[in-house]
Amino acid sequence: MESDSTRYLVKEEHYGDIMPGNRAEMMRNIYLRSGAHIKGGIYGNELSVEGDGITVDGTVYCKTHIRINVPEESDKQTVTFQSAVVCPGTILILSGDCKTRFLSDIYSGKINLKRCIVYGNIYASSATIEDSVVLGGVYCSKQLTLKNSVVFTFRAGECNLAEHVSILSPFGFAEKIRMESTVNVLAFTGLFEKGYKQTNSGLKLDETDIYEIELEKKDPSAANRKMQVLSIAERLLNTTGIIKQLEQNRNFIEFLSLNSHLPLDERNNFLKRNKEELEDELWQIVEEKREFKEMDGSLSIKEMFKLFSLKNADH
């Protein structure tokens, strides 16, 4: 460890927080290099992470900039942030062979993610997410760009959906949605059952699945605001079958959200039996840009009326 009032360099285990001891150290820049393990949190002006096999256990707060740079030739050890990461400025990740893992939420002004997995939500002014997996929502007040990534859902001012984007929830929102390609709605079937294999089906959404809703006005004199929704809601579908398949997705996200509150045996059983398989499966989707068998949920008008008549007959 090397430190002064302007810089703090760590290359090994560090016990405790890296916190300023006086006003000058509040503007100190933090440097983490391969093998660093911070067993506490970080507070500083900028954070520079270079190398792999780096872990931060506590919350990270950096005022201006976080930059993570992993060399192309690495031994593929991950860079891991165990708690929330907060940076009002920018977060830039330039990943080589290894992955960057965020096990909680990210809060940032502007964020650019590449080869990351996020077990939480992302809140930002604008974001570009590429070759990544986000098991929470991505919420941007301005611009969001998704490319070759899996996310749970999104809400943005403007959203650009490039090629090979998949979502785990059958809807996403933005004031303006632009699609360069179809979007997959993934379905995990048999997720919590013994012998779980993989995601094997989904729905494909295209521009015909975008529709507008008018937002409720809090101020009667304000102008009308509209929101675009990417959803299967306007389709003629056998929703019973679709909902049943997508129910496992919801269970999975709820499990992650409540993870620390669940009984230890149940948590350990899932982590031992499913977590690595699921993570590997999601990375294969990203890395192989895999196509999926589409769920059979479409109905003709004739079939829809037949189902409607059968339901009425039951009553």
Protein backbone atom coordinates (compact mmCIF):
# COMPACT_ATOMS: atom_id res chain seq x y z
CA MET A 1 0.00 0.00 0.00
CA GLU A 2 1.23 3.48 -0.90
CA SER A 3 -0.59 6.68 0.05
CA ASP A 4 -0.37 10.43 0.50
CA SER A 5 -2.90 13.26 0.49
CA THR A 6 -3.50 12.95 -3.30
CA ARG A 7 -3.29 9.23 -4.08
CA TYR A 8 -3.87 5.82 -2.48
CA LEU A 9 -2.48 2.70 -4.20
CA VAL A 10 -3.42 -0.86 -3.16
CA LYS A 11 -2.06 -4.12 -4.62
CA GLU A 12 -2.86 -6.57 -1.80
CA GLU A 13 -5.34 -7.19 1.02
CA HIS A 14 -6.44 -4.01 2.77
CA TYR A 15 -8.31 -4.33 6.08
CA GLY A 16 -10.87 -1.60 6.72
CA ASP A 17 -12.26 1.35 4.76
CA ILE A 18 -10.32 3.73 2.56
CA MET A 19 -11.72 6.99 3.90
CA PRO A 20 -10.46 10.58 3.98
CA GLY A 21 -8.92 11.72 7.25
CA ASN A 22 -9.08 15.42 6.42
CA ARG A 23 -10.51 17.85 3.85
CA ALA A 24 -7.59 17.48 1.42
CA GLU A 25 -7.95 13.67 1.32
CA MET A 26 -11.59 14.00 0.22
CA MET A 27 -10.18 14.76 -3.25
CA ARG A 28 -7.75 11.83 -3.15
CA ASN A 29 -7.62 9.41 -6.11
CA ILE A 30 -7.70 5.65 -5.38
CA TYR A 31 -5.74 3.11 -7.47
CA LEU A 32 -6.43 -0.64 -7.26
CA ARG A 33 -4.15 -3.11 -9.02
CA SER A 34 -4.21 -6.90 -9.56
CA GLY A 35 -4.63 -8.82 -6.31
CA ALA A 36 -6.15 -5.94 -4.34
CA HIS A 37 -8.88 -6.91 -1.85
CA ILE A 38 -10.46 -4.03 0.04
CA LYS A 39 -12.18 -5.42 3.14
CA GLY A 40 -14.23 -2.30 3.61
CA GLY A 41 -15.57 0.62 1.58
CA ILE A 42 -14.00 3.36 -0.52
CA TYR A 43 -14.54 7.14 -0.50
CA GLY A 44 -12.56 9.29 -2.92
CA ASN A 45 -12.45 11.59 -5.90
CA GLU A 46 -11.56 9.08 -8.64
CA LEU A 47 -11.17 5.30 -8.68
CA SER A 48 -8.86 3.56 -11.14
CA VAL A 49 -8.98 -0.24 -11.34
CA GLU A 50 -6.39 -1.99 -13.52
CA GLY A 51 -5.80 -5.72 -13.68
CA ASP A 52 -7.89 -8.64 -12.44
CA GLY A 53 -8.53 -10.63 -9.26
CA ILE A 54 -9.67 -7.42 -7.52
CA THR A 55 -12.47 -7.30 -4.89
CA VAL A 56 -14.09 -4.47 -2.93
CA ASP A 57 -16.33 -5.64 -0.06
CA GLY A 58 -17.92 -2.36 1.03
CA THR A 59 -19.79 0.51 -0.60
CA VAL A 60 -17.88 2.62 -3.12
CA TYR A 61 -18.42 6.38 -3.46
CA CYS A 62 -16.33 8.35 -5.94
CA LYS A 63 -17.15 11.93 -6.80
CA THR A 64 -15.96 12.30 -10.39
CA HIS A 65 -14.89 9.14 -12.19
CA ILE A 66 -14.56 5.35 -11.93
CA ARG A 67 -12.48 3.63 -14.61
CA ILE A 68 -12.04 -0.15 -14.79
CA ASN A 69 -9.50 -1.44 -17.29
CA VAL A 70 -8.73 -5.14 -17.63
CA PRO A 71 -5.97 -6.25 -20.03
CA GLU A 72 -6.90 -8.40 -23.02
CA GLU A 73 -4.58 -11.16 -21.83
CA SER A 74 -5.58 -11.99 -18.27
CA ASP A 75 -6.11 -15.17 -16.27
CA LYS A 76 -9.86 -14.35 -16.35
CA GLN A 77 -10.23 -13.68 -12.63
CA THR A 78 -13.12 -11.33 -12.02
CA VAL A 79 -13.22 -7.79 -10.68
CA THR A 80 -15.97 -7.81 -8.02
CA PHE A 81 -17.84 -5.08 -6.16
CA GLN A 82 -19.78 -6.69 -3.30
CA SER A 83 -21.86 -3.62 -2.34
CA ALA A 84 -23.41 -0.55 -3.97
CA VAL A 85 -21.31 1.64 -6.27
CA VAL A 86 -22.08 5.38 -6.40
CA CYS A 87 -20.47 7.89 -8.75
CA PRO A 88 -22.25 11.16 -9.65
CA GLY A 89 -19.77 11.58 -12.52
CA THR A 90 -18.94 8.75 -14.95
CA ILE A 91 -18.28 5.01 -14.78
CA LEU A 92 -16.30 3.56 -17.68
CA ILE A 93 -15.50 -0.14 -17.99
CA LEU A 94 -13.05 -1.38 -20.60
CA SER A 95 -13.01 -5.13 -20.07
CA GLY A 96 -10.73 -7.63 -21.72
CA ASP A 97 -11.08 -11.36 -21.04
CA CYS A 98 -12.39 -11.14 -17.48
CA LYS A 99 -15.80 -10.03 -16.23
CA THR A 100 -16.69 -7.24 -13.83
CA ARG A 101 -19.31 -8.27 -11.25
CA PHE A 102 -21.53 -5.85 -9.34
CA LEU A 103 -23.45 -7.66 -6.59
CA SER A 104 -25.65 -4.67 -5.73
CA ASP A 105 -27.03 -1.45 -7.28
CA ILE A 106 -25.12 1.10 -9.35
CA TYR A 107 -25.84 4.85 -9.20
CA SER A 108 -24.09 7.09 -11.72
CA GLY A 109 -24.39 10.18 -13.87
CA LYS A 110 -23.13 8.47 -17.02
CA ILE A 111 -22.17 4.81 -17.32
CA ASN A 112 -20.58 2.65 -20.01
CA LEU A 113 -20.57 -1.09 -19.20
CA LYS A 114 -18.88 -3.88 -21.15
CA ARG A 115 -18.65 -7.56 -20.09
CA CYS A 116 -20.35 -6.99 -16.74
CA ILE A 117 -22.90 -8.84 -14.66
CA VAL A 118 -25.01 -6.74 -12.30
CA TYR A 119 -27.06 -8.37 -9.51
CA GLY A 120 -29.01 -5.18 -8.90
CA ASN A 121 -30.48 -2.11 -10.59
CA ILE A 122 -28.70 0.59 -12.56
CA TYR A 123 -29.76 4.22 -12.03
CA ALA A 124 -28.12 6.77 -14.33
CA SER A 125 -28.63 9.87 -16.39
CA SER A 126 -27.44 7.97 -19.49
CA ALA A 127 -26.04 4.49 -20.05
CA THR A 128 -24.51 2.27 -22.71
CA ILE A 129 -24.58 -1.44 -21.88
CA GLU A 130 -22.84 -3.93 -24.16
CA ASP A 131 -22.03 -7.66 -23.84
CA SER A 132 -23.46 -7.67 -20.30
CA VAL A 133 -26.11 -9.18 -18.01
CA VAL A 134 -28.22 -7.00 -15.69
CA LEU A 135 -30.53 -8.99 -13.41
CA GLY A 136 -32.31 -5.83 -12.28
CA GLY A 137 -33.81 -2.88 -14.11
CA VAL A 138 -31.93 -0.17 -16.01
CA TYR A 139 -33.39 3.28 -15.28
CA CYS A 140 -32.08 6.30 -17.21
CA SER A 141 -33.51 9.80 -17.20
CA LYS A 142 -32.00 10.49 -20.63
CA GLN A 143 -30.40 8.09 -23.12
CA LEU A 144 -30.07 4.30 -22.84
CA THR A 145 -28.36 2.07 -25.42
CA LEU A 146 -28.46 -1.73 -25.11
CA LYS A 147 -26.38 -4.00 -27.33
CA ASN A 148 -25.93 -7.78 -27.11
CA SER A 149 -27.07 -7.83 -23.48
CA VAL A 150 -29.64 -9.40 -21.16
CA VAL A 151 -31.54 -7.10 -18.77
CA PHE A 152 -34.60 -7.58 -16.61
CA THR A 153 -36.40 -4.45 -17.85
CA PHE A 154 -35.71 -0.81 -18.71
CA ARG A 155 -37.14 2.70 -18.28
CA ALA A 156 -35.50 5.61 -20.10
CA GLY A 157 -36.02 8.96 -21.72
CA GLU A 158 -34.86 7.51 -25.05
CA CYS A 159 -33.91 3.87 -25.57
CA ASN A 160 -31.95 2.45 -28.49
CA LEU A 161 -32.20 -1.35 -28.74
CA ALA A 162 -29.39 -2.66 -30.95
CA GLU A 163 -28.89 -6.27 -32.04
CA HIS A 164 -29.14 -9.29 -29.71
CA VAL A 165 -30.97 -7.69 -26.80
CA SER A 166 -32.96 -9.92 -24.41
CA ILE A 167 -35.24 -9.01 -21.51
CA LEU A 168 -36.54 -11.16 -18.64
CA SER A 169 -39.71 -9.14 -18.11
CA PRO A 170 -42.20 -8.90 -21.01
CA PHE A 171 -42.19 -5.08 -21.08
CA GLY A 172 -39.96 -2.00 -21.10
CA PHE A 173 -40.71 1.74 -21.13
CA ALA A 174 -39.22 4.87 -22.73
CA GLU A 175 -40.47 8.16 -24.05
CA LYS A 176 -38.96 7.07 -27.38
CA ILE A 177 -37.99 3.48 -28.30
CA ARG A 178 -35.84 2.74 -31.35
CA MET A 179 -35.28 -0.86 -32.42
CA GLU A 180 -32.50 -2.03 -34.72
CA SER A 181 -33.48 -5.66 -34.34
CA THR A 182 -36.04 -7.89 -32.62
CA VAL A 183 -35.88 -8.21 -28.82
CA ASN A 184 -36.10 -11.59 -27.09
CA VAL A 185 -38.25 -12.11 -24.00
CA LEU A 186 -36.49 -15.04 -22.32
CA ALA A 187 -38.33 -17.76 -20.41
CA PHE A 188 -36.62 -19.87 -17.74
CA THR A 189 -38.57 -23.10 -17.54
CA GLY A 190 -38.19 -25.36 -14.52
CA LEU A 191 -35.84 -22.84 -12.94
CA PHE A 192 -36.10 -24.12 -9.36
CA GLU A 193 -36.58 -27.77 -10.26
CA LYS A 194 -33.93 -30.41 -9.81
CA GLY A 195 -31.97 -31.03 -12.99
CA TYR A 196 -32.56 -27.55 -14.41
CA LYS A 197 -30.91 -27.38 -17.81
CA GLN A 198 -31.23 -24.02 -19.55
CA THR A 199 -33.43 -21.31 -20.98
CA ASN A 200 -34.97 -22.83 -24.05
CA SER A 201 -37.67 -20.52 -25.30
CA GLY A 202 -38.81 -16.94 -25.58
CA LEU A 203 -40.92 -14.40 -27.42
CA LYS A 204 -39.64 -12.12 -30.13
CA LEU A 205 -40.77 -8.49 -29.98
CA ASP A 206 -40.54 -6.13 -32.95
CA GLU A 207 -41.67 -2.59 -33.79
CA THR A 208 -45.31 -3.69 -33.98
CA ASP A 209 -45.10 -4.42 -30.23
CA ILE A 210 -44.44 -0.75 -29.38
CA TYR A 211 -47.49 1.26 -28.38
CA GLU A 212 -48.13 4.56 -26.64
CA ILE A 213 -49.84 5.32 -23.35
CA GLU A 214 -50.76 8.73 -21.99
CA LEU A 215 -49.40 9.50 -18.54
CA GLU A 216 -51.66 10.81 -15.82
CA LYS A 217 -51.15 14.54 -15.23
CA LYS A 218 -50.49 15.74 -11.69
CA ASP A 219 -50.93 19.34 -12.86
CA PRO A 220 -54.10 19.84 -14.98
CA SER A 221 -52.48 22.77 -16.81
CA ALA A 222 -49.42 20.75 -17.86
CA ALA A 223 -49.02 19.44 -21.39
CA ASN A 224 -49.93 15.83 -22.12
CA ARG A 225 -47.06 13.38 -21.75
CA LYS A 226 -46.87 10.08 -23.55
CA MET A 227 -44.78 7.00 -22.91
CA GLN A 228 -43.91 4.23 -25.36
CA VAL A 229 -44.18 0.65 -24.11
CA LEU A 230 -42.51 -2.40 -25.62
CA SER A 231 -44.80 -5.23 -24.59
CA ILE A 232 -46.74 -8.32 -25.64
CA ALA A 233 -49.93 -6.77 -24.19
CA GLU A 234 -51.42 -5.84 -27.58
CA ARG A 235 -51.05 -9.31 -29.07
CA LEU A 236 -53.70 -12.01 -29.29
CA LEU A 237 -52.05 -14.58 -27.05
CA ASN A 238 -52.86 -17.61 -24.98
CA THR A 239 -51.77 -15.72 -21.89
CA THR A 240 -52.26 -18.67 -19.54
CA GLY A 241 -49.38 -20.56 -21.12
CA ILE A 242 -47.17 -17.51 -21.52
CA ILE A 243 -47.66 -16.34 -17.91
CA LYS A 244 -46.89 -19.81 -16.59
CA GLN A 245 -43.56 -19.88 -18.42
CA LEU A 246 -42.60 -16.33 -17.44
CA GLU A 247 -43.56 -16.93 -13.80
CA GLN A 248 -40.17 -18.55 -13.16
CA ASN A 249 -38.44 -15.35 -14.29
CA ARG A 250 -40.33 -13.40 -11.64
CA ASN A 251 -39.49 -16.02 -9.00
CA PHE A 252 -35.83 -15.77 -9.91
CA ILE A 253 -35.70 -11.97 -9.60
CA GLU A 254 -37.67 -12.07 -6.32
CA PHE A 255 -35.24 -14.67 -5.00
CA LEU A 256 -32.27 -12.43 -5.82
CA SER A 257 -33.99 -9.42 -4.25
CA LEU A 258 -34.80 -11.28 -1.01
CA ASN A 259 -31.64 -13.38 -0.98
CA SER A 260 -30.28 -12.14 2.36
CA HIS A 261 -33.69 -12.53 4.05
CA LEU A 262 -34.32 -16.14 3.05
CA PRO A 263 -33.63 -19.19 5.25
CA LEU A 264 -29.96 -20.18 5.05
CA ASP A 265 -30.68 -23.74 3.85
CA GLU A 266 -32.89 -22.51 1.00
CA ARG A 267 -30.34 -19.87 -0.02
CA ASN A 268 -27.39 -22.25 0.06
CA ASN A 269 -29.33 -24.92 -1.85
CA PHE A 270 -30.08 -22.50 -4.68
CA LEU A 271 -26.55 -21.06 -4.78
CA LYS A 272 -25.02 -24.54 -4.85
CA ARG A 273 -27.40 -26.03 -7.39
CA ASN A 274 -28.48 -23.22 -9.72
CA LYS A 275 -26.57 -19.97 -9.51
CA GLU A 276 -23.48 -20.99 -11.47
CA GLU A 277 -25.57 -22.81 -14.08
CA LEU A 278 -27.81 -19.78 -14.56
CA GLU A 279 -24.93 -17.36 -14.78
CA ASP A 280 -23.11 -19.58 -17.27
CA GLU A 281 -26.29 -19.88 -19.32
CA LEU A 282 -26.80 -16.11 -19.43
CA TRP A 283 -23.18 -15.56 -20.46
CA GLN A 284 -23.58 -18.11 -23.25
CA ILE A 285 -26.58 -16.15 -24.52
CA VAL A 286 -24.43 -13.01 -24.65
CA GLU A 287 -21.25 -14.60 -26.01
CA GLU A 288 -22.88 -16.92 -28.56
CA LYS A 289 -25.61 -14.42 -29.57
CA ARG A 290 -27.95 -17.39 -29.43
CA GLU A 291 -31.29 -17.65 -31.18
CA PHE A 292 -34.27 -19.19 -29.33
CA LYS A 293 -37.24 -21.35 -30.01
CA GLU A 294 -40.22 -19.00 -29.86
CA MET A 295 -42.97 -19.80 -27.35
CA ASP A 296 -46.21 -20.86 -29.00
CA GLY A 297 -48.72 -18.41 -27.60
CA SER A 298 -50.33 -16.80 -30.64
CA LEU A 299 -54.08 -17.18 -31.18
CA SER A 300 -56.36 -16.52 -34.09
CA ILE A 301 -59.54 -14.50 -33.60
CA LYS A 302 -61.51 -17.76 -33.92
CA GLU A 303 -59.45 -19.45 -31.18
CA MET A 304 -59.78 -16.40 -28.93
CA PHE A 305 -63.59 -16.42 -29.19
CA LYS A 306 -63.63 -20.18 -28.54
CA LEU A 307 -61.68 -19.70 -25.29
CA PHE A 308 -63.95 -16.82 -24.33
CA SER A 309 -67.04 -18.95 -24.90
CA LEU A 310 -65.64 -21.82 -22.83
CA LYS A 311 -64.88 -19.49 -19.92
CA ASN A 312 -68.40 -18.05 -20.02
CA ALA A 313 -69.88 -21.54 -20.12
CA ASP A 314 -67.99 -22.42 -16.91
CA HIS A 315 -69.73 -19.51 -15.14
